[in-house]
Amino acid sequence: MSDATLWWIAAGVLVAAEMVTGTFYLLMLALGAAAAAVCAHLGLGMTLQLVVAAVAGGGAITAWHLLRPERHAAPASSNRDVNLDIGERVHVAAWQSDGTARVQYRGAAWSARYAGSDAPQAGDHRIQAIEGSCLVLAR
């Protein structure tokens, strides 16, 4: 079996592994293996093929890591992807003097506190976060 065939098989295995794991970085390594296969087709030696595979795959990984947008996920207590109650509406009948209230939500009584800077008003509020058994509400 030729070197080029082995590199193409390695690239295919890396792509298949990426499809199973969902790790985009394996595609970058597959790119390096494909570059090495092209070098093998051009008749370059194994040492140069390995260097090209390492530089192309490693360079693609580095470029992807540096160029991808930064994603800062919200904390779990206020992340709708983690807790589907975030963003839901609740009705507050009355606020206590310390800025807390008791509200009915999903058939149970919850403690609630107001997250806004202004004085809390009775009425509908949006769940901004959940801290333990306390709903953090905003207008």
C-alpha atoms as a PDB file:
ATOM      1  CA  MET A   1       0.000   0.000   0.000  1.00  0.00           C
ATOM      2  CA  SER A   2       1.398   3.404  -0.932  1.00  0.00           C
ATOM      3  CA  ASP A   3       2.054   6.249   1.492  1.00  0.00           C
ATOM      4  CA  ALA A   4      -0.647   8.345  -0.175  1.00  0.00           C
ATOM      5  CA  THR A   5      -3.236   5.621   0.388  1.00  0.00           C
ATOM      6  CA  LEU A   6      -2.305   5.391   4.075  1.00  0.00           C
ATOM      7  CA  TRP A   7      -2.634   9.180   4.452  1.00  0.00           C
ATOM      8  CA  TRP A   8      -6.051   9.149   2.735  1.00  0.00           C
ATOM      9  CA  ILE A   9      -7.199   6.331   5.033  1.00  0.00           C
ATOM     10  CA  ALA A  10      -5.955   8.327   8.053  1.00  0.00           C
ATOM     11  CA  ALA A  11      -7.865  11.395   6.818  1.00  0.00           C
ATOM     12  CA  GLY A  12     -11.026   9.303   6.391  1.00  0.00           C
ATOM     13  CA  VAL A  13     -10.677   7.788   9.864  1.00  0.00           C
ATOM     14  CA  LEU A  14     -10.237  11.283  11.363  1.00  0.00           C
ATOM     15  CA  VAL A  15     -13.347  12.555   9.553  1.00  0.00           C
ATOM     16  CA  ALA A  16     -15.335   9.534  10.763  1.00  0.00           C
ATOM     17  CA  ALA A  17     -14.091  10.083  14.326  1.00  0.00           C
ATOM     18  CA  GLU A  18     -15.137  13.725  14.082  1.00  0.00           C
ATOM     19  CA  MET A  19     -18.639  12.697  13.024  1.00  0.00           C
ATOM     20  CA  VAL A  20     -18.904  10.405  16.040  1.00  0.00           C
ATOM     21  CA  THR A  21     -17.495  12.844  18.604  1.00  0.00           C
ATOM     22  CA  GLY A  22     -18.518  16.210  17.137  1.00  0.00           C
ATOM     23  CA  THR A  23     -15.044  17.636  17.737  1.00  0.00           C
ATOM     24  CA  PHE A  24     -14.285  20.117  14.984  1.00  0.00           C
ATOM     25  CA  TYR A  25     -10.556  19.892  15.719  1.00  0.00           C
ATOM     26  CA  LEU A  26     -10.408  16.386  14.253  1.00  0.00           C
ATOM     27  CA  LEU A  27     -11.383  17.879  10.879  1.00  0.00           C
ATOM     28  CA  MET A  28      -8.327  20.107  11.097  1.00  0.00           C
ATOM     29  CA  LEU A  29      -6.144  17.049  11.694  1.00  0.00           C
ATOM     30  CA  ALA A  30      -7.821  15.362   8.720  1.00  0.00           C
ATOM     31  CA  LEU A  31      -6.834  18.406   6.680  1.00  0.00           C
ATOM     32  CA  GLY A  32      -3.223  17.820   7.725  1.00  0.00           C
ATOM     33  CA  ALA A  33      -3.461  14.157   6.693  1.00  0.00           C
ATOM     34  CA  ALA A  34      -4.901  15.184   3.310  1.00  0.00           C
ATOM     35  CA  ALA A  35      -2.026  17.648   2.817  1.00  0.00           C
ATOM     36  CA  ALA A  36       0.431  14.851   3.581  1.00  0.00           C
ATOM     37  CA  ALA A  37      -1.359  12.615   1.055  1.00  0.00           C
ATOM     38  CA  VAL A  38      -0.887  15.276  -1.605  1.00  0.00           C
ATOM     39  CA  CYS A  39       2.816  15.412  -0.702  1.00  0.00           C
ATOM     40  CA  ALA A  40       2.978  11.624  -1.079  1.00  0.00           C
ATOM     41  CA  HIS A  41       1.359  11.910  -4.526  1.00  0.00           C
ATOM     42  CA  LEU A  42       4.047  14.434  -5.444  1.00  0.00           C
ATOM     43  CA  GLY A  43       6.724  11.904  -4.483  1.00  0.00           C
ATOM     44  CA  LEU A  44       8.077  13.699  -1.428  1.00  0.00           C
ATOM     45  CA  GLY A  45       9.700  11.649   1.350  1.00  0.00           C
ATOM     46  CA  MET A  46       8.042  10.389   4.506  1.00  0.00           C
ATOM     47  CA  THR A  47       9.862  12.917   6.691  1.00  0.00           C
ATOM     48  CA  LEU A  48       8.503  15.813   4.660  1.00  0.00           C
ATOM     49  CA  GLN A  49       5.028  14.225   4.636  1.00  0.00           C
ATOM     50  CA  LEU A  50       5.058  14.052   8.434  1.00  0.00           C
ATOM     51  CA  VAL A  51       6.233  17.659   8.709  1.00  0.00           C
ATOM     52  CA  VAL A  52       3.523  18.834   6.287  1.00  0.00           C
ATOM     53  CA  ALA A  53       0.851  16.847   8.179  1.00  0.00           C
ATOM     54  CA  ALA A  54       1.961  18.354  11.496  1.00  0.00           C
ATOM     55  CA  VAL A  55       2.267  21.909  10.189  1.00  0.00           C
ATOM     56  CA  ALA A  56      -0.995  21.846   8.194  1.00  0.00           C
ATOM     57  CA  GLY A  57      -3.040  20.093  10.899  1.00  0.00           C
ATOM     58  CA  GLY A  58      -1.498  21.986  13.805  1.00  0.00           C
ATOM     59  CA  GLY A  59      -1.665  25.290  11.924  1.00  0.00           C
ATOM     60  CA  ALA A  60      -5.328  24.739  11.063  1.00  0.00           C
ATOM     61  CA  ILE A  61      -6.118  23.945  14.708  1.00  0.00           C
ATOM     62  CA  THR A  62      -4.244  27.037  15.892  1.00  0.00           C
ATOM     63  CA  ALA A  63      -5.925  29.254  13.286  1.00  0.00           C
ATOM     64  CA  TRP A  64      -9.381  27.896  14.164  1.00  0.00           C
ATOM     65  CA  HIS A  65      -8.767  28.397  17.866  1.00  0.00           C
ATOM     66  CA  LEU A  66      -7.545  31.966  17.393  1.00  0.00           C
ATOM     67  CA  LEU A  67     -10.126  33.062  14.819  1.00  0.00           C
ATOM     68  CA  ARG A  68     -13.311  31.568  16.259  1.00  0.00           C
ATOM     69  CA  PRO A  69     -15.569  34.000  18.089  1.00  0.00           C
ATOM     70  CA  GLU A  70     -15.450  33.954  21.863  1.00  0.00           C
ATOM     71  CA  ARG A  71     -18.597  32.522  23.386  1.00  0.00           C
ATOM     72  CA  HIS A  72     -19.228  33.340  26.993  1.00  0.00           C
ATOM     73  CA  ALA A  73     -22.169  31.352  28.263  1.00  0.00           C
ATOM     74  CA  ALA A  74     -24.343  32.864  30.939  1.00  0.00           C
ATOM     75  CA  PRO A  75     -24.120  31.221  34.373  1.00  0.00           C
ATOM     76  CA  ALA A  76     -26.405  28.218  34.769  1.00  0.00           C
ATOM     77  CA  SER A  77     -28.689  30.145  37.130  1.00  0.00           C
ATOM     78  CA  SER A  78     -29.588  32.612  34.360  1.00  0.00           C
ATOM     79  CA  ASN A  79     -28.971  30.558  31.198  1.00  0.00           C
ATOM     80  CA  ARG A  80     -32.150  29.618  29.315  1.00  0.00           C
ATOM     81  CA  ASP A  81     -30.284  26.732  27.655  1.00  0.00           C
ATOM     82  CA  VAL A  82     -29.867  25.177  31.113  1.00  0.00           C
ATOM     83  CA  ASN A  83     -33.099  26.269  32.801  1.00  0.00           C
ATOM     84  CA  LEU A  84     -36.195  26.727  30.661  1.00  0.00           C
ATOM     85  CA  ASP A  85     -37.906  28.804  33.381  1.00  0.00           C
ATOM     86  CA  ILE A  86     -35.646  31.775  32.580  1.00  0.00           C
ATOM     87  CA  GLY A  87     -37.701  34.370  30.718  1.00  0.00           C
ATOM     88  CA  GLU A  88     -41.071  33.056  31.896  1.00  0.00           C
ATOM     89  CA  ARG A  89     -43.596  35.466  33.419  1.00  0.00           C
ATOM     90  CA  VAL A  90     -44.962  35.419  36.966  1.00  0.00           C
ATOM     91  CA  HIS A  91     -47.461  37.676  38.708  1.00  0.00           C
ATOM     92  CA  VAL A  92     -46.462  39.386  41.949  1.00  0.00           C
ATOM     93  CA  ALA A  93     -49.468  40.439  44.009  1.00  0.00           C
ATOM     94  CA  ALA A  94     -47.460  42.460  46.546  1.00  0.00           C
ATOM     95  CA  TRP A  95     -43.842  43.082  47.524  1.00  0.00           C
ATOM     96  CA  GLN A  96     -42.604  43.041  51.098  1.00  0.00           C
ATOM     97  CA  SER A  97     -40.552  45.942  52.456  1.00  0.00           C
ATOM     98  CA  ASP A  98     -37.276  44.002  52.109  1.00  0.00           C
ATOM     99  CA  GLY A  99     -37.773  43.588  48.327  1.00  0.00           C
ATOM    100  CA  THR A 100     -38.951  39.985  48.448  1.00  0.00           C
ATOM    101  CA  ALA A 101     -42.296  38.393  47.654  1.00  0.00           C
ATOM    102  CA  ARG A 102     -44.079  35.042  47.589  1.00  0.00           C
ATOM    103  CA  VAL A 103     -45.329  34.064  44.134  1.00  0.00           C
ATOM    104  CA  GLN A 104     -47.175  31.109  42.674  1.00  0.00           C
ATOM    105  CA  TYR A 105     -45.262  29.488  39.834  1.00  0.00           C
ATOM    106  CA  ARG A 106     -45.878  26.033  38.364  1.00  0.00           C
ATOM    107  CA  GLY A 107     -48.328  25.187  41.113  1.00  0.00           C
ATOM    108  CA  ALA A 108     -45.965  25.935  44.000  1.00  0.00           C
ATOM    109  CA  ALA A 109     -45.175  28.915  46.208  1.00  0.00           C
ATOM    110  CA  TRP A 110     -41.739  30.416  45.517  1.00  0.00           C
ATOM    111  CA  SER A 111     -39.688  33.097  47.216  1.00  0.00           C
ATOM    112  CA  ALA A 112     -38.853  35.914  44.850  1.00  0.00           C
ATOM    113  CA  ARG A 113     -36.601  38.931  44.977  1.00  0.00           C
ATOM    114  CA  TYR A 114     -36.492  41.952  42.724  1.00  0.00           C
ATOM    115  CA  ALA A 115     -33.345  42.470  40.649  1.00  0.00           C
ATOM    116  CA  GLY A 116     -34.115  45.959  39.357  1.00  0.00           C
ATOM    117  CA  SER A 117     -32.686  49.199  40.718  1.00  0.00           C
ATOM    118  CA  ASP A 118     -36.056  50.950  40.968  1.00  0.00           C
ATOM    119  CA  ALA A 119     -38.728  50.226  43.581  1.00  0.00           C
ATOM    120  CA  PRO A 120     -40.525  46.927  42.904  1.00  0.00           C
ATOM    121  CA  GLN A 121     -44.138  47.244  41.779  1.00  0.00           C
ATOM    122  CA  ALA A 122     -46.880  44.638  41.883  1.00  0.00           C
ATOM    123  CA  GLY A 123     -47.747  43.054  38.543  1.00  0.00           C
ATOM    124  CA  ASP A 124     -46.207  40.784  35.954  1.00  0.00           C
ATOM    125  CA  HIS A 125     -42.457  40.171  36.096  1.00  0.00           C
ATOM    126  CA  ARG A 126     -39.990  38.088  34.099  1.00  0.00           C
ATOM    127  CA  ILE A 127     -37.796  35.422  35.720  1.00  0.00           C
ATOM    128  CA  GLN A 128     -34.218  36.585  35.236  1.00  0.00           C
ATOM    129  CA  ALA A 129     -32.459  33.844  37.241  1.00  0.00           C
ATOM    130  CA  ILE A 130     -33.118  31.105  39.750  1.00  0.00           C
ATOM    131  CA  GLU A 131     -30.931  30.961  42.840  1.00  0.00           C
ATOM    132  CA  GLY A 132     -31.778  27.841  44.804  1.00  0.00           C
ATOM    133  CA  SER A 133     -35.496  28.123  45.516  1.00  0.00           C
ATOM    134  CA  CYS A 134     -35.616  31.882  44.968  1.00  0.00           C
ATOM    135  CA  LEU A 135     -36.760  33.435  41.690  1.00  0.00           C
ATOM    136  CA  VAL A 136     -34.861  36.570  40.685  1.00  0.00           C
ATOM    137  CA  LEU A 137     -37.385  38.813  38.920  1.00  0.00           C
ATOM    138  CA  ALA A 138     -37.131  41.820  36.623  1.00  0.00           C
ATOM    139  CA  ARG A 139     -39.766  43.958  34.900  1.00  0.00           C
END
